[in-house]
Amino acid sequence: MIRVVLPAHLRVLAGVRGEVALDVPEPVTLAAVLDALEARHPVLRGTIRDRATGRRRAFVRFFACEEDLSHDPPGTPLPAPVTAGDEPFMVVGAMAGG
């Protein structure tokens, strides 16, 4: 079971409270988790990744085990603590401005 933490605005949009628990088949990659998340909560399609290209939105970041995975390829396997359910996969809204 993969635990996914979403920012508040995406939790509201998806109608969830707290973490989202997902069953993701092996291999557990960045793309596989996002595919499972969007399949379970179709309203999130296009909010985290561009619908046409599948690329991460500019102001969205991905973290796991205190590592920034935002620029990793979609096929990157997630760390073992995330796949074991010990640590969450985090989708974070980046901040910008001055």
PDB file of N, CA and C in Angstrom:
ATOM      1  N   MET A   1       0.846  -1.176   0.000  1.00  0.00           N
ATOM      2  CA  MET A   1       0.000   0.000   0.000  1.00  0.00           C
ATOM      3  C   MET A   1       0.893   1.241   0.000  1.00  0.00           C
ATOM      4  N   ILE A   2       0.700   2.092  -0.967  1.00  0.00           N
ATOM      5  CA  ILE A   2       1.463   3.341  -1.075  1.00  0.00           C
ATOM      6  C   ILE A   2       0.651   4.457  -0.435  1.00  0.00           C
ATOM      7  N   ARG A   3       1.287   5.211   0.430  1.00  0.00           N
ATOM      8  CA  ARG A   3       0.638   6.346   1.085  1.00  0.00           C
ATOM      9  C   ARG A   3       1.006   7.616   0.324  1.00  0.00           C
ATOM     10  N   VAL A   4       0.002   8.377  -0.094  1.00  0.00           N
ATOM     11  CA  VAL A   4       0.232   9.607  -0.844  1.00  0.00           C
ATOM     12  C   VAL A   4      -0.330  10.779  -0.047  1.00  0.00           C
ATOM     13  N   VAL A   5       0.497  11.791   0.134  1.00  0.00           N
ATOM     14  CA  VAL A   5       0.089  13.022   0.806  1.00  0.00           C
ATOM     15  C   VAL A   5      -0.086  14.087  -0.271  1.00  0.00           C
ATOM     16  N   LEU A   6      -1.264  14.675  -0.307  1.00  0.00           N
ATOM     17  CA  LEU A   6      -1.579  15.723  -1.280  1.00  0.00           C
ATOM     18  C   LEU A   6      -1.650  17.072  -0.585  1.00  0.00           C
ATOM     19  N   PRO A   7      -1.384  18.166  -1.332  1.00  0.00           N
ATOM     20  CA  PRO A   7      -1.583  19.493  -0.737  1.00  0.00           C
ATOM     21  C   PRO A   7      -3.075  19.731  -0.498  1.00  0.00           C
ATOM     22  N   ALA A   8      -3.379  20.634   0.380  1.00  0.00           N
ATOM     23  CA  ALA A   8      -4.762  20.880   0.815  1.00  0.00           C
ATOM     24  C   ALA A   8      -5.719  21.123  -0.344  1.00  0.00           C
ATOM     25  N   HIS A   9      -5.330  21.919  -1.320  1.00  0.00           N
ATOM     26  CA  HIS A   9      -6.256  22.239  -2.414  1.00  0.00           C
ATOM     27  C   HIS A   9      -6.582  21.009  -3.261  1.00  0.00           C
ATOM     28  N   LEU A  10      -5.640  20.080  -3.414  1.00  0.00           N
ATOM     29  CA  LEU A  10      -5.924  18.859  -4.170  1.00  0.00           C
ATOM     30  C   LEU A  10      -6.734  17.863  -3.343  1.00  0.00           C
ATOM     31  N   ARG A  11      -6.542  17.863  -2.020  1.00  0.00           N
ATOM     32  CA  ARG A  11      -7.387  17.016  -1.166  1.00  0.00           C
ATOM     33  C   ARG A  11      -8.838  17.463  -1.260  1.00  0.00           C
ATOM     34  N   VAL A  12      -9.061  18.775  -1.231  1.00  0.00           N
ATOM     35  CA  VAL A  12     -10.420  19.308  -1.351  1.00  0.00           C
ATOM     36  C   VAL A  12     -11.007  18.925  -2.704  1.00  0.00           C
ATOM     37  N   LEU A  13     -10.256  19.127  -3.758  1.00  0.00           N
ATOM     38  CA  LEU A  13     -10.724  18.807  -5.104  1.00  0.00           C
ATOM     39  C   LEU A  13     -11.090  17.327  -5.231  1.00  0.00           C
ATOM     40  N   ALA A  14     -10.254  16.459  -4.663  1.00  0.00           N
ATOM     41  CA  ALA A  14     -10.484  15.010  -4.740  1.00  0.00           C
ATOM     42  C   ALA A  14     -11.504  14.526  -3.711  1.00  0.00           C
ATOM     43  N   GLY A  15     -11.824  15.363  -2.733  1.00  0.00           N
ATOM     44  CA  GLY A  15     -12.781  14.974  -1.704  1.00  0.00           C
ATOM     45  C   GLY A  15     -12.225  13.957  -0.727  1.00  0.00           C
ATOM     46  N   VAL A  16     -10.945  14.114  -0.378  1.00  0.00           N
ATOM     47  CA  VAL A  16     -10.315  13.186   0.566  1.00  0.00           C
ATOM     48  C   VAL A  16      -9.815  13.947   1.787  1.00  0.00           C
ATOM     49  N   ARG A  17      -9.664  13.211   2.863  1.00  0.00           N
ATOM     50  CA  ARG A  17      -9.078  13.767   4.089  1.00  0.00           C
ATOM     51  C   ARG A  17      -7.831  12.959   4.405  1.00  0.00           C
ATOM     52  N   GLY A  18      -6.783  13.629   4.776  1.00  0.00           N
ATOM     53  CA  GLY A  18      -5.553  12.939   5.132  1.00  0.00           C
ATOM     54  C   GLY A  18      -4.878  12.310   3.922  1.00  0.00           C
ATOM     55  N   GLU A  19      -4.192  11.206   4.176  1.00  0.00           N
ATOM     56  CA  GLU A  19      -3.445  10.512   3.132  1.00  0.00           C
ATOM     57  C   GLU A  19      -4.368   9.690   2.238  1.00  0.00           C
ATOM     58  N   VAL A  20      -3.905   9.454   1.023  1.00  0.00           N
ATOM     59  CA  VAL A  20      -4.591   8.560   0.097  1.00  0.00           C
ATOM     60  C   VAL A  20      -3.774   7.268   0.061  1.00  0.00           C
ATOM     61  N   ALA A  21      -4.423   6.133   0.286  1.00  0.00           N
ATOM     62  CA  ALA A  21      -3.745   4.832   0.231  1.00  0.00           C
ATOM     63  C   ALA A  21      -4.059   4.188  -1.109  1.00  0.00           C
ATOM     64  N   LEU A  22      -3.003   3.769  -1.816  1.00  0.00           N
ATOM     65  CA  LEU A  22      -3.162   3.200  -3.151  1.00  0.00           C
ATOM     66  C   LEU A  22      -2.480   1.841  -3.258  1.00  0.00           C
ATOM     67  N   ASP A  23      -3.123   0.928  -3.947  1.00  0.00           N
ATOM     68  CA  ASP A  23      -2.481  -0.322  -4.343  1.00  0.00           C
ATOM     69  C   ASP A  23      -1.846  -0.069  -5.699  1.00  0.00           C
ATOM     70  N   VAL A  24      -0.550  -0.190  -5.771  1.00  0.00           N
ATOM     71  CA  VAL A  24       0.177   0.060  -7.014  1.00  0.00           C
ATOM     72  C   VAL A  24       0.951  -1.205  -7.358  1.00  0.00           C
ATOM     73  N   PRO A  25       0.749  -1.738  -8.563  1.00  0.00           N
ATOM     74  CA  PRO A  25       1.479  -2.953  -8.945  1.00  0.00           C
ATOM     75  C   PRO A  25       2.970  -2.675  -9.130  1.00  0.00           C
ATOM     76  N   GLU A  26       3.756  -3.718  -8.977  1.00  0.00           N
ATOM     77  CA  GLU A  26       5.207  -3.621  -9.193  1.00  0.00           C
ATOM     78  C   GLU A  26       5.484  -3.410 -10.672  1.00  0.00           C
ATOM     79  N   PRO A  27       6.496  -2.732 -11.052  1.00  0.00           N
ATOM     80  CA  PRO A  27       7.381  -1.927 -10.212  1.00  0.00           C
ATOM     81  C   PRO A  27       6.699  -0.616  -9.814  1.00  0.00           C
ATOM     82  N   VAL A  28       6.935  -0.207  -8.589  1.00  0.00           N
ATOM     83  CA  VAL A  28       6.334   1.019  -8.080  1.00  0.00           C
ATOM     84  C   VAL A  28       7.222   2.190  -8.497  1.00  0.00           C
ATOM     85  N   THR A  29       6.772   2.871  -9.527  1.00  0.00           N
ATOM     86  CA  THR A  29       7.512   4.013 -10.059  1.00  0.00           C
ATOM     87  C   THR A  29       6.724   5.288  -9.816  1.00  0.00           C
ATOM     88  N   LEU A  30       7.379   6.389 -10.067  1.00  0.00           N
ATOM     89  CA  LEU A  30       6.730   7.692  -9.965  1.00  0.00           C
ATOM     90  C   LEU A  30       5.487   7.730 -10.854  1.00  0.00           C
ATOM     91  N   ALA A  31       5.625   7.306 -12.104  1.00  0.00           N
ATOM     92  CA  ALA A  31       4.491   7.310 -13.037  1.00  0.00           C
ATOM     93  C   ALA A  31       3.382   6.366 -12.592  1.00  0.00           C
ATOM     94  N   ALA A  32       3.745   5.190 -12.072  1.00  0.00           N
ATOM     95  CA  ALA A  32       2.737   4.214 -11.644  1.00  0.00           C
ATOM     96  C   ALA A  32       1.892   4.756 -10.495  1.00  0.00           C
ATOM     97  N   VAL A  33       2.524   5.457  -9.562  1.00  0.00           N
ATOM     98  CA  VAL A  33       1.785   6.039  -8.434  1.00  0.00           C
ATOM     99  C   VAL A  33       0.838   7.135  -8.933  1.00  0.00           C
ATOM    100  N   LEU A  34       1.326   7.995  -9.813  1.00  0.00           N
ATOM    101  CA  LEU A  34       0.477   9.062 -10.340  1.00  0.00           C
ATOM    102  C   LEU A  34      -0.647   8.500 -11.199  1.00  0.00           C
ATOM    103  N   ASP A  35      -0.372   7.451 -11.969  1.00  0.00           N
ATOM    104  CA  ASP A  35      -1.423   6.795 -12.753  1.00  0.00           C
ATOM    105  C   ASP A  35      -2.514   6.242 -11.837  1.00  0.00           C
ATOM    106  N   ALA A  36      -2.102   5.567 -10.757  1.00  0.00           N
ATOM    107  CA  ALA A  36      -3.062   4.984  -9.815  1.00  0.00           C
ATOM    108  C   ALA A  36      -3.861   6.077  -9.105  1.00  0.00           C
ATOM    109  N   LEU A  37      -3.195   7.170  -8.752  1.00  0.00           N
ATOM    110  CA  LEU A  37      -3.869   8.287  -8.090  1.00  0.00           C
ATOM    111  C   LEU A  37      -4.925   8.905  -9.006  1.00  0.00           C
ATOM    112  N   GLU A  38      -4.567   9.124 -10.262  1.00  0.00           N
ATOM    113  CA  GLU A  38      -5.505   9.719 -11.214  1.00  0.00           C
ATOM    114  C   GLU A  38      -6.630   8.752 -11.585  1.00  0.00           C
ATOM    115  N   ALA A  39      -6.353   7.451 -11.574  1.00  0.00           N
ATOM    116  CA  ALA A  39      -7.397   6.466 -11.861  1.00  0.00           C
ATOM    117  C   ALA A  39      -8.423   6.438 -10.729  1.00  0.00           C
ATOM    118  N   ARG A  40      -7.946   6.553  -9.506  1.00  0.00           N
ATOM    119  CA  ARG A  40      -8.841   6.519  -8.348  1.00  0.00           C
ATOM    120  C   ARG A  40      -9.593   7.835  -8.170  1.00  0.00           C
ATOM    121  N   HIS A  41      -8.930   8.929  -8.514  1.00  0.00           N
ATOM    122  CA  HIS A  41      -9.522  10.268  -8.377  1.00  0.00           C
ATOM    123  C   HIS A  41      -9.386  10.993  -9.715  1.00  0.00           C
ATOM    124  N   PRO A  42     -10.251  10.671 -10.681  1.00  0.00           N
ATOM    125  CA  PRO A  42     -10.138  11.257 -12.022  1.00  0.00           C
ATOM    126  C   PRO A  42     -10.165  12.783 -12.054  1.00  0.00           C
ATOM    127  N   VAL A  43     -10.749  13.395 -11.053  1.00  0.00           N
ATOM    128  CA  VAL A  43     -10.801  14.856 -11.008  1.00  0.00           C
ATOM    129  C   VAL A  43      -9.391  15.461 -10.916  1.00  0.00           C
ATOM    130  N   LEU A  44      -8.409  14.667 -10.510  1.00  0.00           N
ATOM    131  CA  LEU A  44      -7.036  15.161 -10.391  1.00  0.00           C
ATOM    132  C   LEU A  44      -6.278  15.138 -11.723  1.00  0.00           C
ATOM    133  N   ARG A  45      -6.852  14.489 -12.743  1.00  0.00           N
ATOM    134  CA  ARG A  45      -6.176  14.451 -14.048  1.00  0.00           C
ATOM    135  C   ARG A  45      -5.990  15.870 -14.570  1.00  0.00           C
ATOM    136  N   GLY A  46      -4.760  16.174 -14.919  1.00  0.00           N
ATOM    137  CA  GLY A  46      -4.443  17.498 -15.429  1.00  0.00           C
ATOM    138  C   GLY A  46      -4.032  18.492 -14.363  1.00  0.00           C
ATOM    139  N   THR A  47      -4.173  18.139 -13.099  1.00  0.00           N
ATOM    140  CA  THR A  47      -3.786  19.066 -12.027  1.00  0.00           C
ATOM    141  C   THR A  47      -2.345  18.854 -11.583  1.00  0.00           C
ATOM    142  N   ILE A  48      -1.877  17.625 -11.636  1.00  0.00           N
ATOM    143  CA  ILE A  48      -0.516  17.286 -11.204  1.00  0.00           C
ATOM    144  C   ILE A  48       0.404  17.164 -12.410  1.00  0.00           C
ATOM    145  N   ARG A  49      -0.130  16.551 -13.475  1.00  0.00           N
ATOM    146  CA  ARG A  49       0.616  16.380 -14.726  1.00  0.00           C
ATOM    147  C   ARG A  49      -0.216  16.950 -15.872  1.00  0.00           C
ATOM    148  N   ASP A  50       0.464  17.451 -16.864  1.00  0.00           N
ATOM    149  CA  ASP A  50      -0.211  17.930 -18.066  1.00  0.00           C
ATOM    150  C   ASP A  50      -0.889  16.756 -18.752  1.00  0.00           C
ATOM    151  N   ARG A  51      -2.139  16.909 -19.123  1.00  0.00           N
ATOM    152  CA  ARG A  51      -2.900  15.814 -19.753  1.00  0.00           C
ATOM    153  C   ARG A  51      -2.286  15.363 -21.065  1.00  0.00           C
ATOM    154  N   ALA A  52      -1.805  16.284 -21.865  1.00  0.00           N
ATOM    155  CA  ALA A  52      -1.289  15.940 -23.188  1.00  0.00           C
ATOM    156  C   ALA A  52       0.101  15.317 -23.144  1.00  0.00           C
ATOM    157  N   THR A  53       0.977  15.879 -22.333  1.00  0.00           N
ATOM    158  CA  THR A  53       2.372  15.428 -22.329  1.00  0.00           C
ATOM    159  C   THR A  53       2.707  14.486 -21.178  1.00  0.00           C
ATOM    160  N   GLY A  54       1.919  14.525 -20.120  1.00  0.00           N
ATOM    161  CA  GLY A  54       2.217  13.721 -18.938  1.00  0.00           C
ATOM    162  C   GLY A  54       3.321  14.306 -18.075  1.00  0.00           C
ATOM    163  N   ARG A  55       3.811  15.489 -18.431  1.00  0.00           N
ATOM    164  CA  ARG A  55       4.883  16.124 -17.657  1.00  0.00           C
ATOM    165  C   ARG A  55       4.332  16.811 -16.416  1.00  0.00           C
ATOM    166  N   ARG A  56       5.140  16.826 -15.380  1.00  0.00           N
ATOM    167  CA  ARG A  56       4.784  17.467 -14.111  1.00  0.00           C
ATOM    168  C   ARG A  56       4.471  18.938 -14.342  1.00  0.00           C
ATOM    169  N   ARG A  57       3.425  19.422 -13.673  1.00  0.00           N
ATOM    170  CA  ARG A  57       3.091  20.842 -13.725  1.00  0.00           C
ATOM    171  C   ARG A  57       4.213  21.647 -13.075  1.00  0.00           C
ATOM    172  N   ALA A  58       4.404  22.864 -13.532  1.00  0.00           N
ATOM    173  CA  ALA A  58       5.533  23.700 -13.104  1.00  0.00           C
ATOM    174  C   ALA A  58       5.597  23.923 -11.596  1.00  0.00           C
ATOM    175  N   PHE A  59       4.474  24.112 -10.937  1.00  0.00           N
ATOM    176  CA  PHE A  59       4.506  24.443  -9.513  1.00  0.00           C
ATOM    177  C   PHE A  59       4.087  23.270  -8.631  1.00  0.00           C
ATOM    178  N   VAL A  60       4.393  22.069  -9.098  1.00  0.00           N
ATOM    179  CA  VAL A  60       4.138  20.857  -8.327  1.00  0.00           C
ATOM    180  C   VAL A  60       5.468  20.138  -8.153  1.00  0.00           C
ATOM    181  N   ARG A  61       5.718  19.664  -6.944  1.00  0.00           N
ATOM    182  CA  ARG A  61       6.964  18.949  -6.636  1.00  0.00           C
ATOM    183  C   ARG A  61       6.611  17.600  -6.036  1.00  0.00           C
ATOM    184  N   PHE A  62       7.542  16.633  -6.162  1.00  0.00           N
ATOM    185  CA  PHE A  62       7.371  15.290  -5.606  1.00  0.00           C
ATOM    186  C   PHE A  62       8.514  15.002  -4.642  1.00  0.00           C
ATOM    187  N   PHE A  63       8.167  14.465  -3.466  1.00  0.00           N
ATOM    188  CA  PHE A  63       9.168  14.124  -2.468  1.00  0.00           C
ATOM    189  C   PHE A  63       8.901  12.730  -1.911  1.00  0.00           C
ATOM    190  N   ALA A  64       9.974  12.024  -1.594  1.00  0.00           N
ATOM    191  CA  ALA A  64       9.901  10.731  -0.913  1.00  0.00           C
ATOM    192  C   ALA A  64      11.177  10.556  -0.115  1.00  0.00           C
ATOM    193  N   CYS A  65      11.028  10.167   1.132  1.00  0.00           N
ATOM    194  CA  CYS A  65      12.183   9.941   2.017  1.00  0.00           C
ATOM    195  C   CYS A  65      13.122  11.149   2.028  1.00  0.00           C
ATOM    196  N   GLU A  66      12.529  12.333   2.123  1.00  0.00           N
ATOM    197  CA  GLU A  66      13.258  13.591   2.190  1.00  0.00           C
ATOM    198  C   GLU A  66      14.084  13.882   0.943  1.00  0.00           C
ATOM    199  N   GLU A  67      13.757  13.239  -0.182  1.00  0.00           N
ATOM    200  CA  GLU A  67      14.437  13.478  -1.449  1.00  0.00           C
ATOM    201  C   GLU A  67      13.471  14.112  -2.434  1.00  0.00           C
ATOM    202  N   ASP A  68      13.966  15.091  -3.181  1.00  0.00           N
ATOM    203  CA  ASP A  68      13.172  15.736  -4.218  1.00  0.00           C
ATOM    204  C   ASP A  68      13.241  14.876  -5.477  1.00  0.00           C
ATOM    205  N   LEU A  69      12.114  14.321  -5.887  1.00  0.00           N
ATOM    206  CA  LEU A  69      12.040  13.469  -7.068  1.00  0.00           C
ATOM    207  C   LEU A  69      11.424  14.204  -8.255  1.00  0.00           C
ATOM    208  N   SER A  70      11.237  15.493  -8.128  1.00  0.00           N
ATOM    209  CA  SER A  70      10.510  16.285  -9.117  1.00  0.00           C
ATOM    210  C   SER A  70      11.103  16.223 -10.521  1.00  0.00           C
ATOM    211  N   HIS A  71      12.403  16.110 -10.620  1.00  0.00           N
ATOM    212  CA  HIS A  71      13.050  16.114 -11.932  1.00  0.00           C
ATOM    213  C   HIS A  71      13.484  14.719 -12.376  1.00  0.00           C
ATOM    214  N   ASP A  72      13.126  13.707 -11.605  1.00  0.00           N
ATOM    215  CA  ASP A  72      13.469  12.329 -11.974  1.00  0.00           C
ATOM    216  C   ASP A  72      12.565  11.854 -13.111  1.00  0.00           C
ATOM    217  N   PRO A  73      13.051  10.946 -13.954  1.00  0.00           N
ATOM    218  CA  PRO A  73      12.210  10.396 -15.021  1.00  0.00           C
ATOM    219  C   PRO A  73      11.005   9.655 -14.442  1.00  0.00           C
ATOM    220  N   PRO A  74       9.889   9.606 -15.179  1.00  0.00           N
ATOM    221  CA  PRO A  74       8.671   8.955 -14.682  1.00  0.00           C
ATOM    222  C   PRO A  74       8.862   7.479 -14.306  1.00  0.00           C
ATOM    223  N   GLY A  75       9.808   6.812 -14.927  1.00  0.00           N
ATOM    224  CA  GLY A  75      10.038   5.402 -14.636  1.00  0.00           C
ATOM    225  C   GLY A  75      10.932   5.139 -13.443  1.00  0.00           C
ATOM    226  N   THR A  76      11.291   6.170 -12.715  1.00  0.00           N
ATOM    227  CA  THR A  76      12.155   6.024 -11.547  1.00  0.00           C
ATOM    228  C   THR A  76      11.440   5.238 -10.448  1.00  0.00           C
ATOM    229  N   PRO A  77      12.052   4.132  -9.979  1.00  0.00           N
ATOM    230  CA  PRO A  77      11.437   3.391  -8.871  1.00  0.00           C
ATOM    231  C   PRO A  77      11.455   4.231  -7.596  1.00  0.00           C
ATOM    232  N   LEU A  78      10.389   4.116  -6.819  1.00  0.00           N
ATOM    233  CA  LEU A  78      10.333   4.841  -5.552  1.00  0.00           C
ATOM    234  C   LEU A  78      11.153   4.104  -4.502  1.00  0.00           C
ATOM    235  N   PRO A  79      11.665   4.814  -3.501  1.00  0.00           N
ATOM    236  CA  PRO A  79      12.479   4.198  -2.463  1.00  0.00           C
ATOM    237  C   PRO A  79      11.713   3.090  -1.717  1.00  0.00           C
ATOM    238  N   ALA A  80      12.444   2.112  -1.227  1.00  0.00           N
ATOM    239  CA  ALA A  80      11.853   0.961  -0.534  1.00  0.00           C
ATOM    240  C   ALA A  80      10.942   1.353   0.631  1.00  0.00           C
ATOM    241  N   PRO A  81      11.302   2.341   1.474  1.00  0.00           N
ATOM    242  CA  PRO A  81      10.389   2.704   2.563  1.00  0.00           C
ATOM    243  C   PRO A  81       9.023   3.193   2.068  1.00  0.00           C
ATOM    244  N   VAL A  82       8.969   3.787   0.878  1.00  0.00           N
ATOM    245  CA  VAL A  82       7.697   4.237   0.316  1.00  0.00           C
ATOM    246  C   VAL A  82       6.909   3.030  -0.182  1.00  0.00           C
ATOM    247  N   THR A  83       7.565   2.128  -0.884  1.00  0.00           N
ATOM    248  CA  THR A  83       6.868   0.955  -1.410  1.00  0.00           C
ATOM    249  C   THR A  83       6.387   0.029  -0.299  1.00  0.00           C
ATOM    250  N   ALA A  84       7.073   0.079   0.851  1.00  0.00           N
ATOM    251  CA  ALA A  84       6.667  -0.731   2.002  1.00  0.00           C
ATOM    252  C   ALA A  84       5.557  -0.063   2.811  1.00  0.00           C
ATOM    253  N   GLY A  85       5.257   1.197   2.513  1.00  0.00           N
ATOM    254  CA  GLY A  85       4.223   1.923   3.242  1.00  0.00           C
ATOM    255  C   GLY A  85       4.720   2.574   4.516  1.00  0.00           C
ATOM    256  N   ASP A  86       6.038   2.539   4.742  1.00  0.00           N
ATOM    257  CA  ASP A  86       6.602   3.142   5.950  1.00  0.00           C
ATOM    258  C   ASP A  86       6.733   4.659   5.833  1.00  0.00           C
ATOM    259  N   GLU A  87       6.953   5.135   4.625  1.00  0.00           N
ATOM    260  CA  GLU A  87       7.094   6.568   4.362  1.00  0.00           C
ATOM    261  C   GLU A  87       6.110   6.960   3.264  1.00  0.00           C
ATOM    262  N   PRO A  88       5.588   8.190   3.306  1.00  0.00           N
ATOM    263  CA  PRO A  88       4.646   8.617   2.263  1.00  0.00           C
ATOM    264  C   PRO A  88       5.358   9.161   1.028  1.00  0.00           C
ATOM    265  N   PHE A  89       4.650   9.129  -0.068  1.00  0.00           N
ATOM    266  CA  PHE A  89       5.029   9.846  -1.285  1.00  0.00           C
ATOM    267  C   PHE A  89       4.281  11.162  -1.196  1.00  0.00           C
ATOM    268  N   MET A  90       4.985  12.276  -1.343  1.00  0.00           N
ATOM    269  CA  MET A  90       4.363  13.576  -1.129  1.00  0.00           C
ATOM    270  C   MET A  90       4.301  14.386  -2.424  1.00  0.00           C
ATOM    271  N   VAL A  91       3.113  14.901  -2.705  1.00  0.00           N
ATOM    272  CA  VAL A  91       2.898  15.845  -3.792  1.00  0.00           C
ATOM    273  C   VAL A  91       2.780  17.207  -3.110  1.00  0.00           C
ATOM    274  N   VAL A  92       3.650  18.124  -3.477  1.00  0.00           N
ATOM    275  CA  VAL A  92       3.725  19.413  -2.797  1.00  0.00           C
ATOM    276  C   VAL A  92       3.555  20.545  -3.795  1.00  0.00           C
ATOM    277  N   GLY A  93       2.753  21.519  -3.444  1.00  0.00           N
ATOM    278  CA  GLY A  93       2.633  22.720  -4.254  1.00  0.00           C
ATOM    279  C   GLY A  93       3.810  23.624  -3.988  1.00  0.00           C
ATOM    280  N   ALA A  94       4.611  23.909  -5.023  1.00  0.00           N
ATOM    281  CA  ALA A  94       5.784  24.758  -4.853  1.00  0.00           C
ATOM    282  C   ALA A  94       5.362  26.201  -4.648  1.00  0.00           C
ATOM    283  N   MET A  95       6.209  26.938  -3.965  1.00  0.00           N
ATOM    284  CA  MET A  95       5.922  28.349  -3.720  1.00  0.00           C
ATOM    285  C   MET A  95       6.833  29.192  -4.600  1.00  0.00           C
ATOM    286  N   ALA A  96       6.311  30.286  -5.070  1.00  0.00           N
ATOM    287  CA  ALA A  96       7.102  31.200  -5.901  1.00  0.00           C
ATOM    288  C   ALA A  96       6.729  32.633  -5.527  1.00  0.00           C
ATOM    289  N   GLY A  97       7.558  33.518  -5.921  1.00  0.00           N
ATOM    290  CA  GLY A  97       7.275  34.916  -5.655  1.00  0.00           C
ATOM    291  C   GLY A  97       8.365  35.556  -4.827  1.00  0.00           C
ATOM    292  N   GLY A  98       8.185  36.784  -4.516  1.00  0.00           N
ATOM    293  CA  GLY A  98       9.235  37.464  -3.808  1.00  0.00           C
ATOM    294  C   GLY A  98       8.776  38.369  -2.745  1.00  0.00           C
TER     295      GLY A  98
END
